[in-house]
PDB file of all heavy atoms in Angstrom:
ATOM      1  N   LEU A   1      -2.195   2.231  11.390  1.00  0.00           N
ATOM      2  CA  LEU A   1      -2.038   0.777  11.465  1.00  0.00           C
ATOM      3  C   LEU A   1      -0.813   0.271  10.694  1.00  0.00           C
ATOM      4  O   LEU A   1      -0.605  -0.926  10.570  1.00  0.00           O
ATOM      5  CB  LEU A   1      -3.304   0.082  10.954  1.00  0.00           C
ATOM      6  CG  LEU A   1      -4.529   0.239  11.842  1.00  0.00           C
ATOM      7  CD1 LEU A   1      -5.789  -0.248  11.128  1.00  0.00           C
ATOM      8  CD2 LEU A   1      -4.334  -0.503  13.157  1.00  0.00           C
ATOM      9  N   GLY A   2      -0.009   1.177  10.165  1.00  0.00           N
ATOM     10  CA  GLY A   2       1.229   0.787   9.495  1.00  0.00           C
ATOM     11  C   GLY A   2       1.194   0.794   7.992  1.00  0.00           C
ATOM     12  O   GLY A   2       2.152   0.377   7.348  1.00  0.00           O
ATOM     13  N   GLY A   3       0.119   1.260   7.406  1.00  0.00           N
ATOM     14  CA  GLY A   3       0.022   1.301   5.953  1.00  0.00           C
ATOM     15  C   GLY A   3       0.632   2.567   5.370  1.00  0.00           C
ATOM     16  O   GLY A   3       0.438   3.649   5.894  1.00  0.00           O
ATOM     17  N   GLU A   4       1.396   2.395   4.302  1.00  0.00           N
ATOM     18  CA  GLU A   4       1.922   3.533   3.552  1.00  0.00           C
ATOM     19  C   GLU A   4       0.994   3.733   2.361  1.00  0.00           C
ATOM     20  O   GLU A   4       0.818   2.823   1.559  1.00  0.00           O
ATOM     21  CB  GLU A   4       3.344   3.250   3.091  1.00  0.00           C
ATOM     22  CG  GLU A   4       4.331   3.107   4.237  1.00  0.00           C
ATOM     23  CD  GLU A   4       5.727   2.757   3.759  1.00  0.00           C
ATOM     24  OE1 GLU A   4       6.087   3.106   2.615  1.00  0.00           O
ATOM     25  OE2 GLU A   4       6.442   2.114   4.543  1.00  0.00           O
ATOM     26  N   VAL A   5       0.430   4.916   2.259  1.00  0.00           N
ATOM     27  CA  VAL A   5      -0.621   5.188   1.271  1.00  0.00           C
ATOM     28  C   VAL A   5      -0.069   5.953   0.077  1.00  0.00           C
ATOM     29  O   VAL A   5       0.655   6.933   0.241  1.00  0.00           O
ATOM     30  CB  VAL A   5      -1.765   6.001   1.909  1.00  0.00           C
ATOM     31  CG1 VAL A   5      -2.882   6.254   0.903  1.00  0.00           C
ATOM     32  CG2 VAL A   5      -2.302   5.311   3.158  1.00  0.00           C
ATOM     33  N   SER A   6      -0.422   5.496  -1.104  1.00  0.00           N
ATOM     34  CA  SER A   6      -0.144   6.225  -2.335  1.00  0.00           C
ATOM     35  C   SER A   6      -1.339   6.028  -3.269  1.00  0.00           C
ATOM     36  O   SER A   6      -2.245   5.260  -2.962  1.00  0.00           O
ATOM     37  CB  SER A   6       1.159   5.742  -2.986  1.00  0.00           C
ATOM     38  OG  SER A   6       1.078   4.375  -3.318  1.00  0.00           O
ATOM     39  N   TRP A   7      -1.331   6.717  -4.371  1.00  0.00           N
ATOM     40  CA  TRP A   7      -2.413   6.545  -5.341  1.00  0.00           C
ATOM     41  C   TRP A   7      -1.874   6.837  -6.738  1.00  0.00           C
ATOM     42  O   TRP A   7      -0.846   7.488  -6.905  1.00  0.00           O
ATOM     43  CB  TRP A   7      -3.595   7.465  -5.024  1.00  0.00           C
ATOM     44  CG  TRP A   7      -3.334   8.883  -5.407  1.00  0.00           C
ATOM     45  CD1 TRP A   7      -2.683   9.822  -4.665  1.00  0.00           C
ATOM     46  CD2 TRP A   7      -3.677   9.508  -6.645  1.00  0.00           C
ATOM     47  NE1 TRP A   7      -2.598  10.991  -5.358  1.00  0.00           N
ATOM     48  CE2 TRP A   7      -3.195  10.830  -6.582  1.00  0.00           C
ATOM     49  CE3 TRP A   7      -4.325   9.070  -7.793  1.00  0.00           C
ATOM     50  CZ2 TRP A   7      -3.371  11.721  -7.623  1.00  0.00           C
ATOM     51  CZ3 TRP A   7      -4.486   9.959  -8.835  1.00  0.00           C
ATOM     52  CH2 TRP A   7      -4.021  11.273  -8.742  1.00  0.00           C
ATOM     53  N   PHE A   8      -2.578   6.331  -7.724  1.00  0.00           N
ATOM     54  CA  PHE A   8      -2.249   6.626  -9.116  1.00  0.00           C
ATOM     55  C   PHE A   8      -3.511   6.477  -9.958  1.00  0.00           C
ATOM     56  O   PHE A   8      -4.416   5.721  -9.605  1.00  0.00           O
ATOM     57  CB  PHE A   8      -1.109   5.728  -9.640  1.00  0.00           C
ATOM     58  CG  PHE A   8      -1.301   4.257  -9.400  1.00  0.00           C
ATOM     59  CD1 PHE A   8      -1.946   3.454 -10.327  1.00  0.00           C
ATOM     60  CD2 PHE A   8      -0.830   3.670  -8.224  1.00  0.00           C
ATOM     61  CE1 PHE A   8      -2.122   2.092 -10.102  1.00  0.00           C
ATOM     62  CE2 PHE A   8      -0.992   2.311  -7.996  1.00  0.00           C
ATOM     63  CZ  PHE A   8      -1.640   1.518  -8.936  1.00  0.00           C
ATOM     64  N   PRO A   9      -3.579   7.217 -11.074  1.00  0.00           N
ATOM     65  CA  PRO A   9      -4.754   7.107 -11.943  1.00  0.00           C
ATOM     66  C   PRO A   9      -4.741   5.769 -12.690  1.00  0.00           C
ATOM     67  O   PRO A   9      -3.683   5.196 -12.939  1.00  0.00           O
ATOM     68  CB  PRO A   9      -4.597   8.279 -12.917  1.00  0.00           C
ATOM     69  CG  PRO A   9      -3.151   8.631 -12.882  1.00  0.00           C
ATOM     70  CD  PRO A   9      -2.622   8.218 -11.551  1.00  0.00           C
ATOM     71  N   THR A  10      -5.927   5.293 -13.035  1.00  0.00           N
ATOM     72  CA  THR A  10      -6.016   4.080 -13.836  1.00  0.00           C
ATOM     73  C   THR A  10      -5.523   4.386 -15.251  1.00  0.00           C
ATOM     74  O   THR A  10      -5.423   5.555 -15.648  1.00  0.00           O
ATOM     75  CB  THR A  10      -7.471   3.559 -13.902  1.00  0.00           C
ATOM     76  OG1 THR A  10      -8.298   4.589 -14.449  1.00  0.00           O
ATOM     77  CG2 THR A  10      -7.981   3.143 -12.531  1.00  0.00           C
ATOM     78  N   GLU A  11      -5.206   3.342 -16.005  1.00  0.00           N
ATOM     79  CA  GLU A  11      -4.703   3.533 -17.373  1.00  0.00           C
ATOM     80  C   GLU A  11      -5.677   4.331 -18.232  1.00  0.00           C
ATOM     81  O   GLU A  11      -5.266   5.132 -19.061  1.00  0.00           O
ATOM     82  CB  GLU A  11      -4.410   2.179 -18.015  1.00  0.00           C
ATOM     83  CG  GLU A  11      -3.181   1.513 -17.448  1.00  0.00           C
ATOM     84  CD  GLU A  11      -2.872   0.200 -18.162  1.00  0.00           C
ATOM     85  OE1 GLU A  11      -3.292   0.014 -19.318  1.00  0.00           O
ATOM     86  OE2 GLU A  11      -2.192  -0.628 -17.535  1.00  0.00           O
ATOM     87  N   SER A  12      -6.967   4.110 -18.027  1.00  0.00           N
ATOM     88  CA  SER A  12      -7.970   4.823 -18.823  1.00  0.00           C
ATOM     89  C   SER A  12      -8.099   6.289 -18.403  1.00  0.00           C
ATOM     90  O   SER A  12      -8.632   7.095 -19.159  1.00  0.00           O
ATOM     91  CB  SER A  12      -9.329   4.144 -18.671  1.00  0.00           C
ATOM     92  OG  SER A  12      -9.802   4.316 -17.335  1.00  0.00           O
ATOM     93  N   GLY A  13      -7.615   6.613 -17.201  1.00  0.00           N
ATOM     94  CA  GLY A  13      -7.755   7.968 -16.698  1.00  0.00           C
ATOM     95  C   GLY A  13      -9.121   8.252 -16.097  1.00  0.00           C
ATOM     96  O   GLY A  13      -9.395   9.354 -15.643  1.00  0.00           O
ATOM     97  N   ASN A  14      -9.983   7.251 -16.105  1.00  0.00           N
ATOM     98  CA  ASN A  14     -11.349   7.420 -15.597  1.00  0.00           C
ATOM     99  C   ASN A  14     -11.517   6.938 -14.164  1.00  0.00           C
ATOM    100  O   ASN A  14     -12.637   6.794 -13.700  1.00  0.00           O
ATOM    101  CB  ASN A  14     -12.343   6.680 -16.491  1.00  0.00           C
ATOM    102  CG  ASN A  14     -12.383   7.273 -17.876  1.00  0.00           C
ATOM    103  OD1 ASN A  14     -12.211   8.475 -18.042  1.00  0.00           O
ATOM    104  ND2 ASN A  14     -12.579   6.445 -18.877  1.00  0.00           N
ATOM    105  N   GLY A  15     -10.439   6.672 -13.478  1.00  0.00           N
ATOM    106  CA  GLY A  15     -10.530   6.188 -12.104  1.00  0.00           C
ATOM    107  C   GLY A  15      -9.185   6.306 -11.425  1.00  0.00           C
ATOM    108  O   GLY A  15      -8.251   6.917 -11.958  1.00  0.00           O
ATOM    109  N   LYS A  16      -9.091   5.729 -10.246  1.00  0.00           N
ATOM    110  CA  LYS A  16      -7.834   5.774  -9.498  1.00  0.00           C
ATOM    111  C   LYS A  16      -7.668   4.483  -8.708  1.00  0.00           C
ATOM    112  O   LYS A  16      -8.626   3.765  -8.444  1.00  0.00           O
ATOM    113  CB  LYS A  16      -7.792   6.974  -8.560  1.00  0.00           C
ATOM    114  CG  LYS A  16      -8.762   6.853  -7.397  1.00  0.00           C
ATOM    115  CD  LYS A  16      -8.706   8.064  -6.514  1.00  0.00           C
ATOM    116  CE  LYS A  16      -9.847   8.098  -5.523  1.00  0.00           C
ATOM    117  NZ  LYS A  16     -11.189   8.032  -6.059  1.00  0.00           N
ATOM    118  N   THR A  17      -6.423   4.234  -8.323  1.00  0.00           N
ATOM    119  CA  THR A  17      -6.111   3.123  -7.438  1.00  0.00           C
ATOM    120  C   THR A  17      -5.442   3.695  -6.195  1.00  0.00           C
ATOM    121  O   THR A  17      -4.491   4.464  -6.298  1.00  0.00           O
ATOM    122  CB  THR A  17      -5.158   2.119  -8.118  1.00  0.00           C
ATOM    123  OG1 THR A  17      -5.834   1.554  -9.250  1.00  0.00           O
ATOM    124  CG2 THR A  17      -4.757   1.008  -7.165  1.00  0.00           C
ATOM    125  N   ILE A  18      -5.984   3.341  -5.048  1.00  0.00           N
ATOM    126  CA  ILE A  18      -5.350   3.653  -3.778  1.00  0.00           C
ATOM    127  C   ILE A  18      -4.503   2.432  -3.449  1.00  0.00           C
ATOM    128  O   ILE A  18      -5.011   1.316  -3.430  1.00  0.00           O
ATOM    129  CB  ILE A  18      -6.393   3.886  -2.659  1.00  0.00           C
ATOM    130  CG1 ILE A  18      -7.346   5.024  -3.012  1.00  0.00           C
ATOM    131  CG2 ILE A  18      -5.690   4.121  -1.319  1.00  0.00           C
ATOM    132  CD1 ILE A  18      -6.726   6.385  -3.051  1.00  0.00           C
ATOM    133  N   ARG A  19      -3.214   2.639  -3.220  1.00  0.00           N
ATOM    134  CA  ARG A  19      -2.300   1.531  -2.901  1.00  0.00           C
ATOM    135  C   ARG A  19      -1.817   1.687  -1.461  1.00  0.00           C
ATOM    136  O   ARG A  19      -1.333   2.747  -1.070  1.00  0.00           O
ATOM    137  CB  ARG A  19      -1.112   1.499  -3.838  1.00  0.00           C
ATOM    138  CG  ARG A  19      -0.070   0.461  -3.403  1.00  0.00           C
ATOM    139  CD  ARG A  19       0.975   0.229  -4.444  1.00  0.00           C
ATOM    140  NE  ARG A  19       0.372  -0.639  -5.453  1.00  0.00           N
ATOM    141  CZ  ARG A  19       0.942  -0.928  -6.609  1.00  0.00           C
ATOM    142  NH1 ARG A  19       2.109  -0.414  -6.931  1.00  0.00           N
ATOM    143  NH2 ARG A  19       0.334  -1.725  -7.473  1.00  0.00           N
ATOM    144  N   ILE A  20      -1.961   0.623  -0.717  1.00  0.00           N
ATOM    145  CA  ILE A  20      -1.465   0.575   0.653  1.00  0.00           C
ATOM    146  C   ILE A  20      -0.354  -0.466   0.688  1.00  0.00           C
ATOM    147  O   ILE A  20      -0.550  -1.603   0.252  1.00  0.00           O
ATOM    148  CB  ILE A  20      -2.562   0.147   1.653  1.00  0.00           C
ATOM    149  CG1 ILE A  20      -3.871   0.917   1.437  1.00  0.00           C
ATOM    150  CG2 ILE A  20      -2.048   0.238   3.079  1.00  0.00           C
ATOM    151  CD1 ILE A  20      -3.804   2.380   1.650  1.00  0.00           C
ATOM    152  N   GLN A  21       0.784  -0.067   1.195  1.00  0.00           N
ATOM    153  CA  GLN A  21       1.918  -0.982   1.342  1.00  0.00           C
ATOM    154  C   GLN A  21       2.101  -1.249   2.833  1.00  0.00           C
ATOM    155  O   GLN A  21       2.172  -0.324   3.630  1.00  0.00           O
ATOM    156  CB  GLN A  21       3.177  -0.353   0.764  1.00  0.00           C
ATOM    157  CG  GLN A  21       4.402  -1.215   0.881  1.00  0.00           C
ATOM    158  CD  GLN A  21       5.631  -0.530   0.290  1.00  0.00           C
ATOM    159  OE1 GLN A  21       5.560   0.581  -0.229  1.00  0.00           O
ATOM    160  NE2 GLN A  21       6.752  -1.193   0.388  1.00  0.00           N
ATOM    161  N   MET A  22       2.153  -2.540   3.188  1.00  0.00           N
ATOM    162  CA  MET A  22       2.366  -2.922   4.581  1.00  0.00           C
ATOM    163  C   MET A  22       3.554  -3.863   4.659  1.00  0.00           C
ATOM    164  O   MET A  22       3.679  -4.780   3.855  1.00  0.00           O
ATOM    165  CB  MET A  22       1.112  -3.571   5.163  1.00  0.00           C
ATOM    166  CG  MET A  22      -0.065  -2.605   5.194  1.00  0.00           C
ATOM    167  SD  MET A  22      -1.502  -3.237   6.071  1.00  0.00           S
ATOM    168  CE  MET A  22      -0.964  -3.011   7.767  1.00  0.00           C
ATOM    169  N   ARG A  23       4.406  -3.609   5.609  1.00  0.00           N
ATOM    170  CA  ARG A  23       5.619  -4.408   5.788  1.00  0.00           C
ATOM    171  C   ARG A  23       5.330  -5.616   6.673  1.00  0.00           C
ATOM    172  O   ARG A  23       4.465  -5.558   7.540  1.00  0.00           O
ATOM    173  CB  ARG A  23       6.712  -3.561   6.404  1.00  0.00           C
ATOM    174  CG  ARG A  23       7.002  -2.322   5.569  1.00  0.00           C
ATOM    175  CD  ARG A  23       8.379  -1.789   5.767  1.00  0.00           C
ATOM    176  NE  ARG A  23       8.645  -0.514   5.119  1.00  0.00           N
ATOM    177  CZ  ARG A  23       8.589  -0.244   3.847  1.00  0.00           C
ATOM    178  NH1 ARG A  23       8.208  -1.145   3.008  1.00  0.00           N
ATOM    179  NH2 ARG A  23       8.883   0.942   3.362  1.00  0.00           N
ATOM    180  N   PRO A  24       6.103  -6.692   6.477  1.00  0.00           N
ATOM    181  CA  PRO A  24       5.915  -7.869   7.338  1.00  0.00           C
ATOM    182  C   PRO A  24       6.421  -7.571   8.748  1.00  0.00           C
ATOM    183  O   PRO A  24       7.167  -6.614   8.964  1.00  0.00           O
ATOM    184  CB  PRO A  24       6.769  -8.944   6.664  1.00  0.00           C
ATOM    185  CG  PRO A  24       7.802  -8.185   5.911  1.00  0.00           C
ATOM    186  CD  PRO A  24       7.147  -6.898   5.487  1.00  0.00           C
ATOM    187  N   CYS A  25       6.010  -8.397   9.683  1.00  0.00           N
ATOM    188  CA  CYS A  25       6.440  -8.241  11.075  1.00  0.00           C
ATOM    189  C   CYS A  25       7.893  -8.660  11.216  1.00  0.00           C
ATOM    190  O   CYS A  25       8.368  -9.549  10.510  1.00  0.00           O
ATOM    191  CB  CYS A  25       5.605  -9.119  12.003  1.00  0.00           C
ATOM    192  SG  CYS A  25       3.875  -8.660  12.049  1.00  0.00           S
ATOM    193  N   VAL A  26       8.567  -8.008  12.138  1.00  0.00           N
ATOM    194  CA  VAL A  26       9.925  -8.414  12.468  1.00  0.00           C
ATOM    195  C   VAL A  26       9.811  -9.576  13.445  1.00  0.00           C
ATOM    196  O   VAL A  26       9.156  -9.471  14.479  1.00  0.00           O
ATOM    197  CB  VAL A  26      10.702  -7.242  13.124  1.00  0.00           C
ATOM    198  CG1 VAL A  26      12.068  -7.696  13.568  1.00  0.00           C
ATOM    199  CG2 VAL A  26      10.789  -6.076  12.162  1.00  0.00           C
ATOM    200  N   VAL A  27      10.412 -10.685  13.080  1.00  0.00           N
ATOM    201  CA  VAL A  27      10.363 -11.855  13.944  1.00  0.00           C
ATOM    202  C   VAL A  27      11.517 -11.762  14.928  1.00  0.00           C
ATOM    203  O   VAL A  27      12.678 -11.736  14.533  1.00  0.00           O
ATOM    204  CB  VAL A  27      10.447 -13.165  13.122  1.00  0.00           C
ATOM    205  CG1 VAL A  27      10.424 -14.365  14.039  1.00  0.00           C
ATOM    206  CG2 VAL A  27       9.324 -13.212  12.108  1.00  0.00           C
ATOM    207  N   ARG A  28      11.157 -11.664  16.186  1.00  0.00           N
ATOM    208  CA  ARG A  28      12.179 -11.578  17.223  1.00  0.00           C
ATOM    209  C   ARG A  28      12.337 -12.946  17.872  1.00  0.00           C
ATOM    210  O   ARG A  28      11.341 -13.616  18.146  1.00  0.00           O
ATOM    211  CB  ARG A  28      11.778 -10.547  18.262  1.00  0.00           C
ATOM    212  CG  ARG A  28      11.734  -9.159  17.678  1.00  0.00           C
ATOM    213  CD  ARG A  28      11.537  -8.112  18.764  1.00  0.00           C
ATOM    214  NE  ARG A  28      11.690  -6.805  18.204  1.00  0.00           N
ATOM    215  CZ  ARG A  28      10.678  -6.038  17.820  1.00  0.00           C
ATOM    216  NH1 ARG A  28       9.461  -6.450  17.947  1.00  0.00           N
ATOM    217  NH2 ARG A  28      10.913  -4.852  17.308  1.00  0.00           N
ATOM    218  N   PRO A  29      13.575 -13.340  18.133  1.00  0.00           N
ATOM    219  CA  PRO A  29      13.756 -14.634  18.781  1.00  0.00           C
ATOM    220  C   PRO A  29      13.149 -14.613  20.171  1.00  0.00           C
ATOM    221  O   PRO A  29      13.199 -13.620  20.880  1.00  0.00           O
ATOM    222  CB  PRO A  29      15.277 -14.800  18.835  1.00  0.00           C
ATOM    223  CG  PRO A  29      15.846 -13.455  18.582  1.00  0.00           C
ATOM    224  CD  PRO A  29      14.804 -12.634  17.881  1.00  0.00           C
ATOM    225  N   THR A  30      12.545 -15.717  20.522  1.00  0.00           N
ATOM    226  CA  THR A  30      11.950 -15.850  21.852  1.00  0.00           C
ATOM    227  C   THR A  30      13.056 -16.187  22.839  1.00  0.00           C
ATOM    228  O   THR A  30      13.803 -17.155  22.640  1.00  0.00           O
ATOM    229  CB  THR A  30      10.897 -16.977  21.850  1.00  0.00           C
ATOM    230  OG1 THR A  30       9.959 -16.709  20.798  1.00  0.00           O
ATOM    231  CG2 THR A  30      10.186 -17.056  23.173  1.00  0.00           C
TER     232      THR A  30
END
């Protein structure tokens, strides 16, 4: 669906964060 997936541990080291980056749509002239 267009998501770029990465992850990193939480500061405490007791968990993780899954990060999804999604880009905006390209607006094409009508």
